[in-house]
Amino acid sequence: MQAENTTPTDALSVTNLPTTVIKRDGRQARFDSAKITSAILRAGHASGEFGEEEARLLTAQVLKVLRHRHADTAPEIEQIQDVVEQVLISSNHHRTARSEEHTSELQSH
């Protein structure tokens, strides 16, 4: 299954992404990697740690993990949030990882 949405990370050729996500209320929604980028960017701006280019690179890392873990299954929003937090921490963006900004937008995914 390959997602057909486009994002700034398309140049990195991220394929086999989940096509749907499971929302907190159990409903399924279309997977939209642009929401991940937006949430990471907002959190980076709020913490002052990084801007748009770094947000795109971080999103690419998140998408690689999701592709590996959820290529054939729909991830839950909480699982996506966990991956975002792990990527932020592994990239030494600790203030951003502790911020609530990246979780608020993903919740509306």
Protein backbone atom coordinates (compact mmCIF):
# COMPACT_ATOMS: atom_id res chain seq x y z
CA MET A 1 0.00 0.00 0.00
CA GLN A 2 1.42 3.35 -0.96
CA ALA A 3 0.04 6.66 0.22
CA GLU A 4 -0.87 9.02 -2.58
CA ASN A 5 -0.50 12.26 -0.66
CA THR A 6 2.31 14.67 -1.41
CA THR A 7 4.57 16.36 1.07
CA PRO A 8 7.85 18.25 1.06
CA THR A 9 9.51 14.89 1.79
CA ASP A 10 8.44 13.34 -1.53
CA ALA A 11 11.89 14.01 -2.94
CA LEU A 12 13.20 11.51 -0.39
CA SER A 13 11.05 8.79 -2.01
CA VAL A 14 9.27 7.57 1.08
CA THR A 15 7.01 4.75 -0.06
CA ASN A 16 4.85 2.09 1.51
CA LEU A 17 3.44 4.46 4.08
CA PRO A 18 0.22 3.64 5.87
CA THR A 19 -2.80 4.93 4.00
CA THR A 20 -4.96 5.37 7.09
CA VAL A 21 -4.59 6.19 10.78
CA ILE A 22 -6.75 5.25 13.72
CA LYS A 23 -8.03 8.28 15.56
CA ARG A 24 -8.50 8.41 19.33
CA ASP A 25 -12.21 7.64 18.98
CA GLY A 26 -11.46 4.53 16.91
CA ARG A 27 -12.47 5.98 13.54
CA GLN A 28 -10.09 5.66 10.62
CA ALA A 29 -8.89 8.69 8.70
CA ARG A 30 -6.65 9.21 5.68
CA PHE A 31 -2.96 9.30 6.57
CA ASP A 32 -1.61 12.79 5.88
CA SER A 33 2.13 13.23 6.38
CA ALA A 34 1.74 16.99 5.92
CA LYS A 35 0.09 17.07 9.35
CA ILE A 36 3.19 15.49 10.86
CA THR A 37 5.40 18.10 9.20
CA SER A 38 3.12 20.89 10.37
CA ALA A 39 3.08 19.62 13.96
CA ILE A 40 6.87 19.22 14.05
CA LEU A 41 7.39 22.68 12.53
CA ARG A 42 5.03 24.33 15.01
CA ALA A 43 6.80 22.60 17.89
CA GLY A 44 10.21 23.62 16.54
CA HIS A 45 9.11 27.23 16.26
CA ALA A 46 7.59 27.16 19.75
CA SER A 47 10.81 25.81 21.28
CA GLY A 48 13.06 27.95 19.09
CA GLU A 49 15.16 24.89 18.23
CA PHE A 50 14.61 24.67 14.46
CA GLY A 51 12.70 25.81 11.41
CA GLU A 52 11.17 24.45 8.22
CA GLU A 53 14.14 22.61 6.70
CA GLU A 54 14.85 20.68 9.90
CA ALA A 55 11.13 19.93 10.29
CA ARG A 56 11.14 18.35 6.82
CA LEU A 57 14.20 16.26 7.65
CA LEU A 58 12.66 15.14 10.94
CA THR A 59 9.43 14.26 9.15
CA ALA A 60 11.40 12.10 6.73
CA GLN A 61 12.82 10.20 9.71
CA VAL A 62 9.35 9.77 11.22
CA LEU A 63 8.01 8.49 7.90
CA LYS A 64 10.85 5.96 7.61
CA VAL A 65 10.01 4.56 11.03
CA LEU A 66 6.29 4.47 10.23
CA ARG A 67 6.99 2.77 6.90
CA HIS A 68 8.99 0.11 8.73
CA ARG A 69 6.56 -0.41 11.63
CA HIS A 70 3.21 0.15 9.92
CA ALA A 71 3.52 -0.56 6.20
CA ASP A 72 0.62 -3.01 6.32
CA THR A 73 -1.27 -1.69 9.33
CA ALA A 74 -2.90 1.57 10.29
CA PRO A 75 -1.03 3.23 13.16
CA GLU A 76 -2.89 4.84 16.01
CA ILE A 77 -2.36 8.57 16.58
CA GLU A 78 -0.58 7.79 19.85
CA GLN A 79 1.88 5.56 18.00
CA ILE A 80 2.67 8.36 15.55
CA GLN A 81 3.16 10.76 18.45
CA ASP A 82 5.56 8.29 20.09
CA VAL A 83 7.62 8.06 16.89
CA VAL A 84 7.73 11.86 16.57
CA GLU A 85 8.94 12.15 20.15
CA GLN A 86 11.58 9.45 19.63
CA VAL A 87 12.88 11.15 16.49
CA LEU A 88 13.02 14.54 18.22
CA ILE A 89 14.97 13.09 21.14
CA SER A 90 17.37 11.14 18.92
CA SER A 91 18.00 14.37 17.00
CA ASN A 92 18.83 16.23 20.23
CA HIS A 93 15.72 18.41 20.11
CA HIS A 94 14.88 17.73 23.75
CA ARG A 95 12.97 20.97 24.41
CA THR A 96 10.80 20.35 21.39
CA ALA A 97 10.21 16.72 22.37
CA ARG A 98 8.91 17.86 25.76
CA SER A 99 6.67 20.47 24.16
CA GLU A 100 2.97 19.87 23.75
CA GLU A 101 2.89 21.57 20.34
CA HIS A 102 3.72 18.43 18.36
CA THR A 103 0.95 16.44 20.02
CA SER A 104 -1.88 18.94 19.67
CA GLU A 105 -1.94 19.00 15.88
CA LEU A 106 -1.40 15.27 15.50
CA GLN A 107 -4.45 14.70 17.67
CA SER A 108 -6.59 16.32 15.00
CA HIS A 109 -5.06 14.07 12.31
